[in-house]
Protein backbone atom coordinates (compact mmCIF):
# COMPACT_ATOMS: atom_id res chain seq x y z
CA MET A 1 8.40 -2.94 37.69
CA GLU A 2 6.67 -6.22 36.74
CA TYR A 3 2.96 -6.89 35.52
CA THR A 4 0.81 -9.63 35.23
CA VAL A 5 -1.32 -10.46 31.94
CA GLN A 6 -4.29 -8.68 33.16
CA LYS A 7 -1.91 -5.76 34.53
CA LEU A 8 -0.36 -5.29 31.09
CA ALA A 9 -3.28 -5.77 29.18
CA GLN A 10 -4.66 -2.20 31.02
CA LEU A 11 -1.29 -0.76 31.10
CA ALA A 12 -1.03 -1.41 27.17
CA GLY A 13 -4.81 -0.73 26.35
CA VAL A 14 -5.03 -4.54 24.55
CA SER A 15 -6.95 -7.44 25.58
CA THR A 16 -5.52 -10.09 27.95
CA ARG A 17 -6.95 -12.49 24.62
CA THR A 18 -3.92 -10.68 22.63
CA LEU A 19 -1.66 -11.00 24.68
CA ARG A 20 -2.11 -14.71 25.60
CA TYR A 21 -2.36 -14.84 21.72
CA TYR A 22 1.51 -13.16 21.18
CA ASP A 23 2.61 -15.33 23.91
CA GLU A 24 1.13 -18.22 21.70
CA ILE A 25 2.89 -17.21 18.30
CA GLU A 26 5.93 -16.48 20.29
CA ILE A 27 5.71 -12.69 19.26
CA LEU A 28 5.73 -11.97 22.83
CA LYS A 29 6.75 -14.08 25.44
CA PRO A 30 6.33 -13.50 29.14
CA ALA A 31 9.85 -13.42 31.01
CA ARG A 32 8.73 -15.94 33.16
CA THR A 33 5.76 -17.71 34.96
CA ASN A 34 5.00 -17.61 38.91
CA SER A 35 4.51 -20.28 40.93
CA SER A 36 0.67 -19.90 40.49
CA GLY A 37 1.47 -20.30 36.80
CA TYR A 38 0.66 -16.65 36.12
CA ARG A 39 2.87 -14.76 33.18
CA ILE A 40 5.02 -12.44 34.64
CA TYR A 41 6.17 -9.50 32.15
CA GLY A 42 9.16 -7.08 32.87
CA GLN A 43 10.49 -3.89 31.12
CA ARG A 44 11.99 -5.80 28.58
CA GLU A 45 8.58 -7.10 27.27
CA VAL A 46 6.77 -3.84 28.09
CA ASP A 47 9.23 -2.39 25.57
CA ARG A 48 8.78 -5.53 22.98
CA LEU A 49 5.44 -4.54 23.05
CA GLN A 50 5.28 -1.04 22.63
CA GLN A 51 7.58 -2.07 19.20
CA ILE A 52 4.89 -4.52 18.27
CA LEU A 53 2.15 -2.03 18.87
CA PHE A 54 3.54 0.63 16.75
CA TYR A 55 4.20 -1.73 13.98
CA ARG A 56 0.68 -2.83 14.48
CA GLU A 57 -0.76 0.87 13.70
CA LEU A 58 1.32 1.72 10.44
CA GLY A 59 -0.05 -1.55 9.19
CA VAL A 60 2.67 -4.15 9.47
CA SER A 61 1.33 -8.06 9.73
CA LEU A 62 2.14 -9.83 12.62
CA ASP A 63 4.55 -12.28 10.84
CA GLN A 64 6.80 -9.00 9.13
CA ILE A 65 6.60 -7.99 12.81
CA LYS A 66 8.31 -10.89 14.61
CA GLU A 67 10.71 -10.90 11.42
CA LEU A 68 11.66 -7.98 12.19
CA ILE A 69 11.82 -7.24 15.83
CA SER A 70 13.87 -11.19 16.14
CA ALA A 71 16.30 -10.21 13.72
CA PRO A 72 19.70 -10.30 15.33
CA ALA A 73 20.69 -6.60 13.30
CA PHE A 74 17.53 -4.74 15.15
CA ASP A 75 18.08 -1.76 16.80
CA ALA A 76 15.19 0.02 18.69
CA ALA A 77 16.67 3.27 18.47
CA ASP A 78 16.55 3.33 14.96
CA ALA A 79 13.10 1.32 14.98
CA LEU A 80 11.73 4.40 17.02
CA LYS A 81 12.56 6.94 15.05
CA GLU A 82 11.15 5.21 11.48
CA HIS A 83 8.24 4.79 13.44
CA ARG A 84 8.24 8.37 14.24
CA GLU A 85 8.87 9.12 10.71
CA LYS A 86 6.15 7.09 9.70
CA LEU A 87 3.72 8.41 11.93
CA LEU A 88 4.70 12.20 10.76
CA GLU A 89 3.78 10.85 7.58
CA LYS A 90 0.71 9.79 8.66
CA ARG A 91 -0.10 13.39 10.61
CA ILE A 92 0.44 15.06 7.61
CA GLN A 93 -1.95 12.89 5.57
CA LEU A 94 -4.73 13.76 8.67
CA ASP A 95 -3.99 17.10 8.92
CA LEU A 96 -4.51 17.59 5.12
CA LEU A 97 -8.11 15.59 5.34
CA ILE A 98 -8.49 17.94 8.35
CA ALA A 99 -8.03 20.60 6.63
CA ASN A 100 -9.94 19.51 3.53
CA VAL A 101 -13.18 18.90 5.70
CA GLU A 102 -12.91 22.16 7.54
CA LYS A 103 -12.87 24.59 4.22
CA THR A 104 -16.02 22.21 2.62
CA ILE A 105 -17.96 22.88 5.88
CA ALA A 106 -16.97 26.52 5.81
CA SER A 107 -17.92 26.08 2.13
CA VAL A 108 -21.20 24.45 2.89
CA GLU A 109 -21.74 27.45 5.04
CA GLY A 110 -21.48 29.96 2.97
CA ARG A 111 -18.05 31.11 4.43
CA THR A 112 -15.73 31.03 1.61
CA THR A 113 -15.55 28.86 -1.77
CA MET A 114 -14.05 26.03 -2.78
CA SER A 115 -13.15 24.86 -6.10
CA ASP A 116 -13.91 20.71 -7.35
CA LYS A 117 -10.01 20.31 -7.78
CA GLU A 118 -9.63 21.66 -3.63
CA LYS A 119 -12.40 19.06 -2.78
CA PHE A 120 -9.90 16.03 -3.64
CA GLU A 121 -6.64 17.41 -2.64
CA GLY A 122 -6.54 15.30 0.35
CA PHE A 123 -7.72 12.14 -1.01
CA LYS A 124 -5.33 12.67 -3.73
CA LYS A 125 -2.07 13.31 -1.82
CA LYS A 126 -3.21 10.16 0.50
CA MET A 127 -3.40 8.26 -2.42
CA ILE A 128 -0.14 9.15 -3.73
CA ASP A 129 1.59 8.75 -0.48
CA ASP A 130 -0.04 4.97 0.29
CA ASN A 131 1.37 4.16 -3.19
CA GLU A 132 4.61 5.23 -1.98
CA LYS A 133 4.54 3.11 0.92
CA LYS A 134 3.21 0.26 -1.06
CA TYR A 135 5.87 0.36 -4.52
CA GLY A 136 7.46 3.15 -4.24
CA LYS A 137 11.05 1.76 -3.43
CA GLU A 138 10.62 -0.52 -6.83
CA ILE A 139 9.19 1.88 -8.77
CA ARG A 140 11.96 5.05 -8.44
CA GLU A 141 14.34 2.19 -8.47
CA LYS A 142 13.26 1.02 -12.04
CA TYR A 143 12.33 4.51 -13.52
CA GLY A 144 14.04 6.88 -11.62
CA ASP A 145 12.55 9.94 -8.68
CA GLU A 146 11.88 12.15 -11.87
CA THR A 147 9.62 9.78 -13.36
CA VAL A 148 7.53 9.47 -10.19
CA GLU A 149 7.63 12.87 -9.32
CA LYS A 150 6.43 14.04 -12.83
CA ALA A 151 3.70 11.38 -12.36
CA ASN A 152 2.34 12.32 -8.94
CA ALA A 153 2.34 15.87 -9.97
CA LYS A 154 -0.41 15.04 -12.79
CA VAL A 155 -2.53 13.08 -10.25
CA MET A 156 -2.54 15.84 -7.89
CA ASN A 157 -3.41 18.04 -10.52
CA MET A 158 -6.17 15.65 -11.81
CA THR A 159 -9.75 17.19 -11.92
CA GLN A 160 -12.56 15.53 -10.37
CA GLU A 161 -13.73 14.21 -13.84
CA GLU A 162 -10.39 12.84 -15.12
CA HIS A 163 -9.85 11.12 -11.46
CA GLU A 164 -13.76 9.58 -12.36
CA ALA A 165 -12.34 8.79 -16.11
CA VAL A 166 -8.94 7.02 -15.01
CA THR A 167 -10.90 5.04 -11.91
CA GLN A 168 -13.51 3.80 -14.80
CA LEU A 169 -10.77 2.84 -17.23
CA ALA A 170 -9.13 0.74 -14.60
CA GLU A 171 -12.29 -1.06 -13.93
CA LYS A 172 -12.71 -1.49 -17.78
CA VAL A 173 -9.21 -2.59 -17.88
CA ASN A 174 -10.01 -5.70 -15.49
CA SER A 175 -13.91 -6.56 -17.20
CA THR A 176 -12.11 -6.48 -20.75
CA LEU A 177 -8.99 -8.74 -18.99
CA ALA A 178 -11.24 -11.00 -17.18
CA GLU A 179 -13.26 -11.58 -20.33
CA ALA A 180 -9.85 -12.11 -22.67
CA ILE A 181 -8.40 -14.66 -20.20
CA GLN A 182 -11.45 -16.70 -20.87
CA SER A 183 -10.41 -16.93 -24.85
CA GLY A 184 -6.99 -18.43 -23.70
CA ASN A 185 -5.56 -16.09 -26.25
CA PRO A 186 -3.03 -12.87 -25.51
CA ALA A 187 -2.94 -12.00 -29.38
CA GLY A 188 -6.84 -12.34 -29.49
CA GLU A 189 -9.13 -9.57 -30.22
CA LEU A 190 -10.34 -8.84 -26.83
CA ALA A 191 -6.67 -9.29 -24.96
CA GLN A 192 -5.11 -6.87 -26.73
CA GLU A 193 -8.11 -4.20 -26.58
CA ALA A 194 -7.31 -5.16 -22.67
CA ALA A 195 -3.66 -3.98 -23.45
CA ASP A 196 -4.98 -0.44 -25.46
CA LEU A 197 -7.14 -0.09 -22.38
CA HIS A 198 -4.23 -0.68 -19.91
CA LYS A 199 -1.85 2.08 -21.91
CA GLN A 200 -4.90 4.49 -22.14
CA TRP A 201 -4.81 3.92 -17.95
CA ILE A 202 -0.89 4.55 -17.32
CA THR A 203 -0.41 7.87 -19.63
CA PHE A 204 -3.25 9.01 -17.32
CA TYR A 205 0.01 9.04 -14.85
CA TRP A 206 3.17 8.86 -17.12
CA SER A 207 4.26 11.99 -18.38
CA GLU A 208 4.91 10.06 -22.02
CA TYR A 209 4.10 6.64 -22.87
CA SER A 210 6.74 4.09 -24.51
CA LYS A 211 6.33 0.48 -25.26
CA GLU A 212 9.46 -0.72 -23.47
CA ALA A 213 8.46 1.15 -20.11
CA HIS A 214 5.25 -0.50 -20.66
CA ALA A 215 6.54 -3.90 -21.10
CA GLY A 216 8.60 -3.52 -17.95
CA LEU A 217 5.84 -2.77 -16.06
CA ALA A 218 3.93 -5.50 -17.28
CA GLU A 219 6.95 -8.07 -16.39
CA MET A 220 7.01 -6.19 -12.99
CA TYR A 221 3.31 -7.12 -12.59
CA VAL A 222 4.63 -10.97 -12.56
CA ALA A 223 7.73 -10.14 -10.66
CA ASP A 224 6.40 -8.73 -7.48
CA GLU A 225 4.10 -10.61 -5.70
CA ARG A 226 2.15 -7.47 -4.82
CA PHE A 227 1.31 -6.13 -8.17
CA LYS A 228 1.04 -10.29 -9.15
CA ALA A 229 -1.67 -10.43 -6.13
CA TYR A 230 -3.56 -7.54 -7.68
CA TYR A 231 -4.43 -8.61 -10.81
CA ASP A 232 -4.86 -12.61 -10.17
CA LYS A 233 -7.90 -11.88 -7.82
CA ILE A 234 -9.37 -11.47 -11.39
CA HIS A 235 -8.22 -14.81 -12.58
CA PRO A 236 -5.26 -17.04 -10.93
CA ASN A 237 -3.18 -16.51 -14.49
CA ALA A 238 -4.26 -12.49 -15.17
CA ALA A 239 -0.85 -10.67 -14.65
CA GLU A 240 0.79 -13.23 -16.54
CA PHE A 241 -1.94 -13.14 -18.87
CA LEU A 242 -1.47 -9.24 -18.70
CA ARG A 243 2.17 -9.46 -19.06
CA GLU A 244 1.65 -11.44 -22.56
CA ALA A 245 -0.73 -9.35 -23.80
CA ILE A 246 1.44 -5.83 -23.67
CA LEU A 247 4.39 -7.49 -24.83
CA ILE A 248 2.43 -8.53 -27.89
CA TYR A 249 0.74 -5.13 -27.79
CA ALA A 250 3.90 -2.97 -27.98
CA GLY A 251 5.76 -5.78 -30.19
CA LEU A 252 8.26 -6.76 -27.96
CA LYS A 253 7.45 -10.59 -27.42
CA GLY A 254 10.19 -12.17 -26.62
CA GLU A 255 12.67 -9.54 -25.86
CA TYR A 256 11.91 -9.62 -22.58
């Protein structure tokens, strides 16, 4: 079956403007243009649009989607299986949050009691899952599955007070780092305070601390663009500055 822009937009629940934009950026070209100048889409384009919308639902950028579905090795069946797994993970997250809301309603109405820890279990599980999606592969390769699982367990067992403390500590790391950068000296008092605060922050998540692991994490902040972007929001050179401060703090300057 073939569709015009209008018909395909109605079928897929997107705007005609979206389909025209997809044509413009060459992520979804029409099968042909008829004699009246209308874009015409066939079954192949319908299937491709479905793949695009699946990826968009999972938060993948259009540039990444274009690269993925245009790759010679792209397999639609494998991609659908991957979509299914990701959506099942998302459903588990939503089910946890829904259960948390329902239990909270019951608690407010006096039908049950709910501990402070239970109130935040859904949110903590979502945070763990989000971190796994963003950084799980790299972190597991660097530190091993056992270390990551222990860290996730620590997060799940955090009290609300601990969660608030670690959140405030992260903010203090960033504010101290921003101030320290102005001095330009990673060995200075403020920079070393930032490194120490960073150590305190990671020990909320790590089961044990080592200066080598701390230094390795600092190196990852610079090597991985996603980590680098997080700190470089503070200052364009923040990731490199923090790495230098941590290496000095750990006594490993010159070894990495």
